[in-house]
Protein backbone atom coordinates (compact mmCIF):
# COMPACT_ATOMS: atom_id res chain seq x y z
CA MET A 1 97.39 101.86 190.25
CA LEU A 2 94.65 101.82 187.60
CA ILE A 3 91.70 104.24 187.51
CA ILE A 4 88.54 103.29 185.65
CA PHE A 5 86.00 106.00 184.82
CA ASP A 6 82.40 105.84 183.69
CA LEU A 7 81.41 108.38 181.01
CA ASP A 8 77.79 109.53 181.41
CA ASP A 9 77.24 111.77 184.44
CA THR A 10 80.77 111.03 185.59
CA LEU A 11 82.95 112.75 183.00
CA ILE A 12 80.19 114.39 180.95
CA ASP A 13 76.92 116.04 181.96
CA THR A 14 74.57 113.69 180.16
CA SER A 15 71.60 114.40 182.45
CA GLY A 16 71.94 118.15 182.06
CA ALA A 17 72.51 118.32 178.30
CA VAL A 18 71.82 115.15 176.33
CA THR A 19 68.89 113.71 178.29
CA PRO A 20 66.54 116.75 178.10
CA PHE A 21 67.16 117.03 174.35
CA LYS A 22 66.56 113.33 173.78
CA LEU A 23 63.49 113.16 176.04
CA ARG A 24 61.69 115.84 174.00
CA ASN A 25 62.35 113.89 170.81
CA ILE A 26 61.24 110.70 172.53
CA PHE A 27 58.00 112.29 173.73
CA GLU A 28 57.16 113.44 170.21
CA ILE A 29 57.80 109.96 168.82
CA LEU A 30 55.58 108.35 171.47
CA MET A 31 52.74 110.87 171.51
CA GLN A 32 52.96 112.30 167.97
CA LYS A 33 52.94 115.88 169.25
CA ALA A 34 55.12 118.40 171.05
CA PRO A 35 54.79 118.16 174.83
CA THR A 36 53.34 120.78 177.13
CA ASP A 37 55.51 121.62 180.13
CA LEU A 38 53.32 119.47 182.39
CA GLU A 39 53.39 116.50 180.01
CA PHE A 40 57.15 116.74 179.60
CA GLN A 41 57.67 116.86 183.36
CA GLU A 42 55.75 113.61 183.69
CA LEU A 43 58.24 111.88 181.41
CA VAL A 44 61.17 113.58 183.16
CA MET A 45 60.00 112.37 186.58
CA ILE A 46 59.61 108.80 185.35
CA ASN A 47 63.12 108.98 183.90
CA GLU A 48 64.58 110.33 187.13
CA THR A 49 63.27 107.38 189.12
CA SER A 50 64.37 104.77 186.56
CA LEU A 51 67.79 103.13 186.45
CA LYS A 52 67.95 103.55 182.66
CA THR A 53 66.25 105.89 180.19
CA LYS A 54 65.15 102.79 178.28
CA ASP A 55 63.17 101.70 181.34
CA ALA A 56 61.56 105.15 181.53
CA ILE A 57 60.50 105.02 177.87
CA GLU A 58 58.94 101.60 178.41
CA ALA A 59 57.09 102.74 181.53
CA PHE A 60 55.84 106.00 180.01
CA GLY A 61 54.80 104.35 176.75
CA LEU A 62 52.89 101.58 178.50
CA LYS A 63 51.20 104.09 180.80
CA LYS A 64 50.01 106.08 177.77
CA GLY A 65 48.92 103.00 175.82
CA VAL A 66 51.47 103.60 173.07
CA SER A 67 52.12 100.86 170.51
CA ARG A 68 55.12 98.57 170.86
CA LYS A 69 56.41 99.83 167.51
CA ALA A 70 56.41 103.43 168.75
CA ILE A 71 58.17 102.42 171.98
CA GLU A 72 60.89 100.63 170.02
CA LYS A 73 61.30 103.65 167.75
CA ALA A 74 61.60 105.92 170.81
CA ILE A 75 64.21 103.63 172.34
CA SER A 76 66.26 103.77 169.13
CA GLU A 77 66.18 107.58 169.33
CA MET A 78 68.28 107.36 172.49
CA SER A 79 71.37 106.48 170.48
CA ALA A 80 70.59 108.39 167.29
CA PRO A 81 73.28 110.92 166.29
CA LEU A 82 73.12 114.37 167.82
CA PRO A 83 72.97 117.57 165.73
CA SER A 84 76.31 118.59 164.27
CA ASP A 85 76.46 121.76 166.40
CA PHE A 86 75.42 120.05 169.63
CA SER A 87 77.97 120.38 172.44
CA ILE A 88 78.10 118.52 175.74
CA PRO A 89 79.66 120.04 178.86
CA CYS A 90 81.91 117.96 181.04
CA THR A 91 81.18 117.58 184.72
CA PRO A 92 83.13 120.09 186.86
CA ASN A 93 86.91 119.63 186.64
CA ALA A 94 86.64 116.41 184.61
CA LYS A 95 89.19 117.41 181.97
CA GLU A 96 91.57 118.77 184.56
CA ILE A 97 91.43 115.59 186.65
CA LEU A 98 91.98 113.39 183.59
CA GLU A 99 95.04 115.43 182.61
CA PHE A 100 96.35 115.22 186.17
CA TYR A 101 96.01 111.45 186.53
CA ARG A 102 97.05 110.46 183.02
CA LYS A 103 100.59 111.54 183.97
CA LEU A 104 100.55 109.28 187.04
CA TYR A 105 98.59 106.12 186.25
CA PRO A 106 96.95 104.30 183.35
CA LEU A 107 93.33 105.36 182.89
CA ALA A 108 90.49 103.28 181.45
CA LEU A 109 86.99 104.15 180.34
CA VAL A 110 84.19 101.60 180.73
CA THR A 111 80.88 103.03 179.56
CA GLY A 112 77.65 101.26 178.71
CA GLY A 113 75.69 102.04 175.55
CA PHE A 114 75.77 102.03 171.76
CA PRO A 115 79.49 102.35 170.93
CA PRO A 116 79.23 104.93 168.09
CA PHE A 117 76.97 107.12 170.22
CA GLN A 118 79.23 106.89 173.29
CA ARG A 119 82.20 107.92 171.17
CA GLU A 120 80.18 110.75 169.62
CA LYS A 121 79.38 112.07 173.10
CA MET A 122 83.06 111.98 174.03
CA GLU A 123 83.90 113.96 170.89
CA LYS A 124 81.19 116.55 171.53
CA ALA A 125 82.47 116.96 175.09
CA GLY A 126 86.03 117.43 173.86
CA ILE A 127 87.42 114.35 175.63
CA GLU A 128 90.25 112.79 173.65
CA ALA A 129 90.18 109.02 173.41
CA SER A 130 94.00 109.03 173.64
CA ILE A 131 93.72 109.95 177.33
CA PHE A 132 92.71 106.37 178.08
CA SER A 133 94.93 103.34 177.87
CA LYS A 134 91.81 101.25 177.26
CA ILE A 135 88.20 101.97 176.30
CA ALA A 136 85.42 99.39 176.64
CA ILE A 137 81.79 99.99 175.66
CA PRO A 138 79.49 97.11 176.64
CA GLU A 139 76.14 97.63 174.93
CA ASP A 140 74.32 95.78 177.70
CA SER A 141 76.05 97.93 180.37
CA ILE A 142 77.27 94.80 182.17
CA LYS A 143 80.70 95.94 183.26
CA LYS A 144 82.08 93.21 185.51
CA PRO A 145 83.67 91.11 182.71
CA PHE A 146 85.45 94.20 181.40
CA TYR A 147 86.67 95.11 184.89
CA LYS A 148 88.12 91.59 185.18
CA ASP A 149 89.82 91.89 181.79
CA LEU A 150 91.39 95.22 182.78
CA MET A 151 92.71 93.78 186.04
CA ILE A 152 94.42 91.00 184.08
CA GLU A 153 95.62 93.19 181.20
CA PHE A 154 97.25 95.76 183.49
CA SER A 155 98.43 93.18 186.06
CA LYS A 156 96.96 95.11 188.98
CA ALA A 157 95.87 93.79 192.34
CA PRO A 158 92.19 94.51 193.10
CA ALA A 159 93.13 96.90 195.89
CA ASP A 160 95.11 98.98 193.37
CA ILE A 161 92.15 99.55 191.04
CA TRP A 162 89.71 102.43 191.47
CA VAL A 163 86.34 102.76 189.76
CA CYS A 164 84.56 106.11 189.62
CA GLY A 165 80.93 106.27 188.47
CA ASP A 166 77.50 107.69 189.23
CA ARG A 167 75.32 104.57 189.12
CA VAL A 168 75.87 102.32 192.09
CA PRO A 169 74.29 99.09 190.74
CA MET A 170 75.91 99.27 187.30
CA ASP A 171 79.24 101.02 187.89
CA LEU A 172 80.25 100.36 191.47
CA ALA A 173 78.63 97.15 192.71
CA PRO A 174 80.47 94.89 190.22
CA ALA A 175 83.73 96.69 191.04
CA LYS A 176 83.24 96.10 194.75
CA GLU A 177 82.52 92.41 194.11
CA LEU A 178 85.98 92.17 192.55
CA GLY A 179 87.62 93.92 195.50
CA PHE A 180 88.23 97.23 193.70
CA LYS A 181 88.05 100.61 195.43
CA THR A 182 84.90 102.57 194.60
CA VAL A 183 84.15 106.29 194.26
CA HIS A 184 80.54 107.39 193.82
CA ILE A 185 80.09 110.73 192.04
CA ARG A 186 76.80 112.34 192.95
CA TRP A 187 75.78 113.65 189.54
CA GLY A 188 72.71 112.99 187.39
CA ARG A 189 70.96 109.88 188.68
CA GLY A 190 73.83 109.56 191.12
CA LYS A 191 72.36 112.41 193.16
CA ARG A 192 69.26 110.37 193.96
CA ILE A 193 70.72 106.90 194.41
CA LYS A 194 70.83 105.71 197.99
CA HIS A 195 74.33 105.71 199.43
CA GLU A 196 75.53 102.21 200.27
CA PRO A 197 77.79 101.71 203.31
CA TRP A 198 80.26 99.64 201.29
CA ILE A 199 81.10 102.52 198.92
CA ASP A 200 84.59 103.73 199.77
CA PHE A 201 84.14 107.41 198.88
CA SER A 202 81.34 109.70 197.72
CA ILE A 203 82.09 112.99 195.94
CA GLN A 204 80.30 115.84 194.19
CA ASP A 205 83.22 117.13 192.14
CA LEU A 206 85.95 115.10 190.44
CA SER A 207 88.59 117.46 191.80
CA GLU A 208 88.00 115.74 195.16
CA LEU A 209 89.81 112.68 193.76
CA ARG A 210 93.12 114.45 194.38
CA ASN A 211 92.57 113.91 198.10
CA ILE A 212 91.54 110.29 197.65
CA ILE A 213 93.74 108.68 194.99
CA LEU A 214 97.32 109.64 195.76
């Protein structure tokens, strides 16, 4: 057995901690002022209905007639380092479930984004990289090639590989195409994504994995 986890809104509460902080900075870059509550909610709502925060920045910036240069600067803010005292909570029972399964099976982390920023988020959430037998961070968030490489590297049959993530199109669909088992965690954007009938399991709390992956 091999278990592959996503990071954002699967193991760590990105939507609850990192995203609100970043969106305020992004608004100020785009609009050159601090947002009112109503203005900030407009950006938040666009982000909630977008697959990626980058898409939300583009949409909001274009709607407001912001320059391309400002939009690009706002996009770069997404992966800028966080304050030194910034902490990120894990999703419920994430650390406990990682400790439980690391004793049973190899674990892998496949997370999309800017590698230094993804590793910084892990550190600020208190997740040790040593928990994982393999970590892959595709900047374009295209995960299927990395899933294939893990299947080969660990010599596992597709039916013996589980992928747990919040975003169905990016995390789970490519896993299903390879014949892997899929677990959708309903956290962050995952709460609003339509459930697909081909998803094997859908959970709200990672502790539920104990009843699924035996």
